[in-house]
C-alpha cells in the first residue's frame, strides 16, 4: 500500500513535468519545504535570509542534517538523498503502524486504516522532501515501545520526533497518558521516563533558537514572521470554515482543507471516543487536531493530521466494507488532484 501510494505520487510528479516543462520530477518532489531542507543540508543554519533573518530555524534539524551528512559520505545529490530518506522512513512507518494496529485491532482494520492514511488528501507529502515520512516512523516506534513497556526507547523515539517537526512534540501526550495509566495499574515508575524524555528534543531546539536569536521566544517569532504561524485561539479556522461555507474560491485552502479538518479530524476524534479507542491513542489524536484548529496558519492542516493514525483507525473501523472502497477512491482522487493543482500553480500545500 505504501509503495503503491509512492509510485502514484511519482507518476503524478512526472505528469506535472509534462504540463510545466521547466520542472523535473526531482524539483516537484523537493519543492517548498524541500527547498529549505536542501539549503540547510548544504550550508546549515548559519546563513541568514534578508526578509526573516533566522527563517531556517523554523525547520527542525533531523531531516536536513541527516540528508547533508549522508550526501557528503556517499557523494549522492542532496535531492536524491532527501527524497530517498523521506520515502523509506515513511514506508517503514506505515509498515510498523500496520503491524502495531494489526496486533491491537486486527488485520482488516490495520489494512484499511493504513490505506486511508497513505491515500489521504495530503498523503502525497509522504513522498516529498517533507518531514511527514520521518515523523511517521517515530510515531510508530513511540507507540510500539509504549506497548512493549520499553519506556526509555519510547521516550527517545518521541524525542527524535520532536526534533523532526514541531508537532512531533505532541508525542509527549501519549507518553504521559500511558505513564499515568501504568502507575495507576501499579506498574513500574520507569514509565515516567517516556514523558520525561519525549520533550527534551523540542526544548533543546527552543534553547538553540534562543541562543541564535537572543530571544527566548525566538523559534515562535520566526514561525510567526516567516509563515504567519501563531496561536490565535481558532479565529483563523473559523474564518476559513466561513469561507468554505460561502464557497469563497479566493481562498483555495478553505476548499481543500476544511473538509479534511471537519470529516477526518473532528469526525474521526468523535469516533475515537465513541469506539473507546485506547486513551493514549485518543489523547494523541486530540492533541494533533488541536494544533491546526488554534493556529493562524491555514495552509498545512491536512499534512498535520497525517501522523494522527488513530483518526484513520477510527474511520476504518466504522466504515462498512461496501463504503470503504468508495471513500478510498474518492480520497485518492482528491490527493492526486490537490498534488497536481499545487504543483502546477505553485501554491504551497
Protein backbone atom coordinates (compact mmCIF):
# COMPACT_ATOMS: atom_id res chain seq x y z
CA UNK A 1 0.00 0.00 0.00
CA UNK A 2 2.79 2.42 0.88
CA UNK A 3 4.68 1.53 -2.30
CA UNK A 4 1.56 2.00 -4.43
CA UNK A 5 0.97 5.42 -2.92
CA UNK A 6 4.57 6.50 -3.51
CA UNK A 7 4.51 5.22 -7.11
CA UNK A 8 1.32 7.16 -7.76
CA UNK A 9 2.99 10.30 -6.40
CA UNK A 10 5.98 9.73 -8.69
CA UNK A 11 3.67 9.28 -11.67
CA UNK A 12 1.80 12.47 -10.83
CA UNK A 13 5.10 14.33 -10.46
CA UNK A 14 6.06 13.10 -13.93
CA UNK A 15 2.73 14.41 -15.29
CA UNK A 16 3.49 17.80 -13.72
CA UNK A 17 6.79 17.95 -15.64
CA UNK A 18 4.84 17.48 -18.88
CA UNK A 19 2.50 20.35 -18.02
CA UNK A 20 5.31 22.57 -16.73
CA UNK A 21 8.49 21.51 -18.60
CA UNK A 22 10.65 23.88 -16.52
CA UNK A 23 10.27 21.43 -13.62
CA UNK A 24 11.77 17.98 -13.13
CA UNK A 25 10.43 15.12 -11.03
CA UNK A 26 13.16 15.93 -8.54
CA UNK A 27 12.19 19.59 -8.20
CA UNK A 28 8.48 18.75 -7.98
CA UNK A 29 9.09 16.37 -5.07
CA UNK A 30 11.63 18.71 -3.49
CA UNK A 31 9.62 21.92 -3.68
CA UNK A 32 8.54 24.33 -0.89
CA UNK A 33 9.76 22.89 2.43
CA UNK A 34 12.13 20.72 0.43
CA UNK A 35 13.95 23.81 -0.82
CA UNK A 36 14.55 24.95 2.75
CA UNK A 37 15.69 21.47 3.76
CA UNK A 38 18.12 21.41 0.84
CA UNK A 39 19.64 24.75 1.81
CA UNK A 40 20.04 23.67 5.44
CA UNK A 41 21.56 20.36 4.33
CA UNK A 42 24.02 22.30 2.16
CA UNK A 43 25.09 25.14 4.48
CA UNK A 44 23.49 24.50 7.86
CA UNK A 45 21.62 27.07 9.93
CA UNK A 46 24.16 29.87 9.76
CA UNK A 47 23.04 31.59 6.55
CA UNK A 48 20.55 34.42 7.09
CA UNK A 49 17.55 35.32 4.95
CA UNK A 50 17.15 39.07 4.24
CA UNK A 51 13.39 39.02 4.95
CA UNK A 52 13.31 36.81 8.05
CA UNK A 53 16.95 36.57 9.15
CA UNK A 54 16.61 33.32 11.10
CA UNK A 55 13.97 31.71 8.90
CA UNK A 56 15.85 28.40 8.69
CA UNK A 57 15.35 27.86 12.40
CA UNK A 58 11.68 27.06 11.69
CA UNK A 59 12.82 23.75 10.16
CA UNK A 60 13.79 21.05 12.63
CA UNK A 61 17.26 19.53 12.20
CA UNK A 62 16.90 15.74 11.90
CA UNK A 63 15.85 15.54 8.24
CA UNK A 64 18.08 18.23 6.67
CA UNK A 65 21.15 17.49 8.79
CA UNK A 66 20.95 13.73 8.16
CA UNK A 67 20.47 14.44 4.46
CA UNK A 68 23.60 16.59 4.38
CA UNK A 69 25.68 14.02 6.26
CA UNK A 70 24.61 11.09 4.08
CA UNK A 71 25.14 13.12 0.92
CA UNK A 72 28.69 14.01 1.93
CA UNK A 73 29.50 10.41 2.89
CA UNK A 74 28.00 8.79 -0.23
CA UNK A 75 28.62 11.53 -2.77
CA UNK A 76 24.96 11.38 -3.85
CA UNK A 77 23.00 14.54 -4.60
CA UNK A 78 21.05 16.23 -1.82
CA UNK A 79 17.69 15.94 -3.57
CA UNK A 80 18.17 12.23 -4.23
CA UNK A 81 19.23 11.56 -0.64
CA UNK A 82 16.48 13.65 0.92
CA UNK A 83 13.64 12.17 -1.10
CA UNK A 84 15.02 8.67 -0.52
CA UNK A 85 15.13 9.26 3.24
CA UNK A 86 11.57 10.56 3.41
CA UNK A 87 10.23 7.77 1.19
CA UNK A 88 11.98 4.99 3.10
CA UNK A 89 11.16 6.33 6.56
CA UNK A 90 7.54 6.94 5.58
CA UNK A 91 7.24 3.42 4.20
CA UNK A 92 8.84 1.97 7.33
CA UNK A 93 6.46 3.99 9.47
CA UNK A 94 3.44 2.66 7.57
CA UNK A 95 4.67 -0.95 7.86
CA UNK A 96 5.30 -0.62 11.60
CA UNK A 97 1.97 1.08 12.21
CA UNK A 98 0.24 -1.65 10.23
CA UNK A 99 1.82 -4.34 12.41
CA UNK A 100 1.01 -2.38 15.57
CA UNK A 101 -2.64 -1.80 14.64
CA UNK A 102 -2.98 -5.40 13.47
CA UNK A 103 -1.85 -6.52 16.92
CA UNK A 104 -4.28 -4.17 18.64
CA UNK A 105 -7.33 -4.11 16.32
CA UNK A 106 -6.98 -6.88 13.76
CA UNK A 107 -5.72 -7.24 10.19
CA UNK A 108 -8.73 -5.76 8.40
CA UNK A 109 -8.73 -2.55 10.42
CA UNK A 110 -4.96 -2.26 10.06
CA UNK A 111 -5.15 -2.65 6.29
CA UNK A 112 -7.89 -0.12 5.72
CA UNK A 113 -6.63 2.45 8.19
CA UNK A 114 -3.21 2.49 6.53
CA UNK A 115 -4.79 2.63 3.06
CA UNK A 116 -6.82 5.65 4.15
CA UNK A 117 -3.66 7.24 5.56
CA UNK A 118 -1.37 6.81 2.56
CA UNK A 119 -4.12 7.91 0.16
CA UNK A 120 -5.37 10.75 2.36
CA UNK A 121 -5.83 14.12 0.60
CA UNK A 122 -2.40 15.22 1.88
CA UNK A 123 -0.82 11.79 1.52
CA UNK A 124 1.40 12.97 -1.34
CA UNK A 125 3.59 14.70 1.28
CA UNK A 126 4.88 11.27 2.33
CA UNK A 127 6.72 11.02 -0.99
CA UNK A 128 8.15 14.55 -0.96
CA UNK A 129 11.19 16.03 0.75
CA UNK A 130 8.97 16.81 3.73
CA UNK A 131 9.13 15.68 7.35
CA UNK A 132 5.87 13.71 7.31
CA UNK A 133 7.67 10.45 6.43
CA UNK A 134 10.32 10.57 9.18
CA UNK A 135 7.90 11.73 11.87
CA UNK A 136 5.51 8.89 10.99
CA UNK A 137 8.32 6.44 11.69
CA UNK A 138 8.99 7.99 15.10
CA UNK A 139 5.26 7.94 15.89
CA UNK A 140 5.12 4.22 15.12
CA UNK A 141 8.21 3.49 17.23
CA UNK A 142 6.89 5.53 20.16
CA UNK A 143 3.61 3.63 20.34
CA UNK A 144 5.22 0.24 19.80
CA UNK A 145 7.76 0.85 22.57
CA UNK A 146 5.00 2.05 24.89
CA UNK A 147 3.05 -1.15 24.23
CA UNK A 148 6.15 -3.24 24.96
CA UNK A 149 6.87 -1.10 28.05
CA UNK A 150 10.30 -0.19 26.78
CA UNK A 151 9.88 3.28 28.19
CA UNK A 152 13.39 4.59 27.61
CA UNK A 153 13.15 3.75 23.92
CA UNK A 154 9.64 5.22 23.70
CA UNK A 155 10.95 8.47 25.15
CA UNK A 156 13.91 8.54 22.77
CA UNK A 157 11.69 7.89 19.75
CA UNK A 158 9.34 10.68 20.86
CA UNK A 159 12.35 12.94 21.41
CA UNK A 160 13.52 12.29 17.85
CA UNK A 161 10.00 13.06 16.61
CA UNK A 162 10.09 16.40 18.40
CA UNK A 163 13.34 17.22 16.59
CA UNK A 164 11.83 16.30 13.23
CA UNK A 165 8.84 18.63 13.06
CA UNK A 166 7.14 20.94 15.53
CA UNK A 167 4.02 18.85 16.15
CA UNK A 168 6.27 15.87 16.85
CA UNK A 169 6.49 17.48 20.30
CA UNK A 170 2.94 16.21 20.87
CA UNK A 171 4.25 12.66 21.24
CA UNK A 172 4.72 13.66 24.87
CA UNK A 173 0.92 13.38 25.23
CA UNK A 174 0.55 9.60 24.65
CA UNK A 175 3.73 9.04 26.67
CA UNK A 176 2.28 10.97 29.62
CA UNK A 177 -1.17 9.37 29.42
CA UNK A 178 0.29 5.88 29.15
CA UNK A 179 2.64 6.55 32.08
CA UNK A 180 -0.23 7.71 34.30
CA UNK A 181 -2.25 4.63 33.40
CA UNK A 182 0.75 2.41 34.06
CA UNK A 183 1.28 3.91 37.50
CA UNK A 184 -2.42 3.61 38.36
CA UNK A 185 -2.19 -0.09 37.49
CA UNK A 186 0.69 -0.42 39.92
CA UNK A 187 3.29 -0.68 37.17
CA UNK A 188 6.90 0.40 37.20
CA UNK A 189 7.84 4.03 37.80
CA UNK A 190 10.14 3.65 34.82
CA UNK A 191 7.05 4.58 32.81
CA UNK A 192 7.79 8.20 33.72
CA UNK A 193 10.96 8.06 31.62
CA UNK A 194 8.91 8.26 28.43
CA UNK A 195 7.18 11.62 29.13
CA UNK A 196 10.34 13.00 30.71
CA UNK A 197 12.49 12.23 27.66
CA UNK A 198 9.88 12.99 24.98
CA UNK A 199 10.00 16.83 25.04
CA UNK A 200 13.78 17.13 25.51
CA UNK A 201 14.49 17.46 21.79
CA UNK A 202 11.99 20.24 21.22
CA UNK A 203 13.06 22.08 24.38
CA UNK A 204 16.69 21.84 23.28
CA UNK A 205 15.75 23.30 19.90
CA UNK A 206 13.92 26.18 21.58
CA UNK A 207 17.09 26.79 23.58
CA UNK A 208 19.24 26.77 20.44
CA UNK A 209 16.90 29.25 18.77
CA UNK A 210 17.12 31.45 21.87
CA UNK A 211 20.92 31.32 21.64
CA UNK A 212 20.89 32.20 17.93
CA UNK A 213 18.28 34.96 18.03
CA UNK A 214 18.85 36.36 21.51
CA UNK A 215 15.12 35.98 22.14
CA UNK A 216 13.67 33.32 24.45
CA UNK A 217 10.69 33.13 22.10
CA UNK A 218 12.92 33.16 19.02
CA UNK A 219 11.56 29.97 17.47
CA UNK A 220 7.97 31.14 17.75
CA UNK A 221 8.85 34.62 16.43
CA UNK A 222 10.43 33.03 13.36
CA UNK A 223 7.35 30.88 12.78
CA UNK A 224 5.10 33.93 13.00
CA UNK A 225 7.22 36.32 10.96
CA UNK A 226 8.12 33.83 8.25
CA UNK A 227 4.94 31.80 7.89
CA UNK A 228 2.23 33.55 9.88
CA UNK A 229 2.10 30.58 12.24
CA UNK A 230 0.87 31.51 15.71
CA UNK A 231 -1.78 30.52 18.21
CA UNK A 232 -4.88 32.63 17.63
CA UNK A 233 -7.41 30.59 19.60
CA UNK A 234 -9.12 29.26 16.48
CA UNK A 235 -10.14 32.56 14.89
CA UNK A 236 -8.43 31.83 11.56
CA UNK A 237 -10.02 28.37 11.48
CA UNK A 238 -13.49 29.86 11.96
CA UNK A 239 -12.79 32.36 9.16
CA UNK A 240 -11.60 29.57 6.86
CA UNK A 241 -14.67 27.47 7.61
CA UNK A 242 -16.84 30.50 6.85
CA UNK A 243 -15.03 30.98 3.51
CA UNK A 244 -15.68 27.32 2.74
CA UNK A 245 -19.38 27.55 3.58
CA UNK A 246 -19.84 30.53 1.25
CA UNK A 247 -17.64 28.89 -1.38
CA UNK A 248 -15.02 31.62 -1.46
CA UNK A 249 -12.77 30.42 -4.28
CA UNK A 250 -10.32 33.22 -3.48
CA UNK A 251 -9.31 31.06 -0.52
CA UNK A 252 -8.31 27.74 -2.15
CA UNK A 253 -7.06 26.34 1.13
CA UNK A 254 -10.57 26.59 2.54
CA UNK A 255 -11.87 24.45 -0.32
CA UNK A 256 -9.13 21.88 0.18
CA UNK A 257 -8.51 21.54 3.89
CA UNK A 258 -11.76 22.41 5.68
CA UNK A 259 -13.41 19.11 4.65
CA UNK A 260 -10.29 17.30 5.89
CA UNK A 261 -10.42 19.02 9.25
CA UNK A 262 -14.15 18.56 9.70
CA UNK A 263 -14.50 15.00 8.41
CA UNK A 264 -11.18 13.32 9.16
CA UNK A 265 -10.24 15.48 12.16
CA UNK A 266 -13.32 16.32 14.20
CA UNK A 267 -15.38 13.41 12.87
CA UNK A 268 -12.51 11.00 13.48
CA UNK A 269 -11.99 12.25 17.04
CA UNK A 270 -15.67 11.77 17.84
CA UNK A 271 -15.38 8.21 16.54
CA UNK A 272 -12.26 7.63 18.65
CA UNK A 273 -14.28 8.50 21.74
CA UNK A 274 -17.38 6.55 20.70
CA UNK A 275 -15.34 3.43 19.90
CA UNK A 276 -13.39 3.75 23.14
CA UNK A 277 -10.02 3.50 21.49
CA UNK A 278 -7.11 3.33 23.95
CA UNK A 279 -6.96 6.53 25.93
CA UNK A 280 -3.40 7.39 24.88
CA UNK A 281 -4.49 7.00 21.23
CA UNK A 282 -7.44 9.36 21.65
CA UNK A 283 -5.45 11.90 23.66
CA UNK A 284 -2.75 11.92 20.97
CA UNK A 285 -5.32 12.37 18.17
CA UNK A 286 -6.98 15.22 20.09
CA UNK A 287 -3.65 16.99 20.58
CA UNK A 288 -2.72 16.60 16.91
CA UNK A 289 -6.09 18.03 15.90
CA UNK A 290 -5.96 20.91 18.35
CA UNK A 291 -2.78 22.39 16.86
CA UNK A 292 -4.18 23.21 13.39
CA UNK A 293 -7.52 24.26 14.89
CA UNK A 294 -5.95 27.01 17.01
CA UNK A 295 -3.22 28.02 14.53
CA UNK A 296 -3.46 31.14 12.40
CA UNK A 297 -1.67 29.42 9.51
CA UNK A 298 -4.33 27.68 7.44
CA UNK A 299 -2.31 26.03 4.67
CA UNK A 300 -0.97 22.79 6.14
CA UNK A 301 -3.82 21.32 8.18
CA UNK A 302 -4.13 18.18 6.10
CA UNK A 303 -0.44 17.37 6.46
CA UNK A 304 -0.58 17.99 10.20
CA UNK A 305 -3.16 15.22 10.57
CA UNK A 306 -1.21 12.54 8.70
CA UNK A 307 0.70 11.35 11.81
CA UNK A 308 -2.58 11.15 13.77
CA UNK A 309 -3.12 7.48 12.90
CA UNK A 310 -5.95 6.89 15.45
CA UNK A 311 -8.20 9.10 13.31
CA UNK A 312 -7.72 6.73 10.36
CA UNK A 313 -8.21 3.70 12.60
CA UNK A 314 -11.49 5.15 13.85
CA UNK A 315 -12.83 5.71 10.34
CA UNK A 316 -11.61 2.34 9.08
CA UNK A 317 -13.39 0.65 11.98
CA UNK A 318 -16.75 2.32 11.37
CA UNK A 319 -16.97 2.29 7.57
CA UNK A 320 -18.89 -0.59 6.06
CA UNK A 321 -16.92 -2.80 3.65
CA UNK A 322 -19.01 -1.54 0.73
CA UNK A 323 -18.22 2.08 1.61
CA UNK A 324 -14.50 1.69 2.22
CA UNK A 325 -13.55 1.32 -1.44
CA UNK A 326 -15.68 4.34 -2.37
CA UNK A 327 -14.15 6.51 0.34
CA UNK A 328 -10.64 5.32 -0.51
CA UNK A 329 -11.13 6.02 -4.21
CA UNK A 330 -12.52 9.49 -3.57
CA UNK A 331 -9.68 10.28 -1.17
CA UNK A 332 -7.04 9.04 -3.65
CA UNK A 333 -8.57 11.13 -6.44
CA UNK A 334 -8.56 14.16 -4.15
CA UNK A 335 -4.93 13.50 -3.23
CA UNK A 336 -3.94 13.36 -6.89
CA UNK A 337 -5.94 16.44 -7.78
CA UNK A 338 -4.53 18.51 -4.94
CA UNK A 339 -0.97 17.43 -5.68
CA UNK A 340 -1.34 18.29 -9.36
CA UNK A 341 -3.00 21.62 -8.59
CA UNK A 342 -0.43 22.82 -6.06
CA UNK A 343 2.50 21.57 -8.13
CA UNK A 344 1.36 23.36 -11.28
CA UNK A 345 0.11 26.53 -9.60
CA UNK A 346 2.94 26.86 -7.10
CA UNK A 347 0.55 27.20 -4.13
CA UNK A 348 2.25 25.66 -1.10
CA UNK A 349 0.39 22.61 0.26
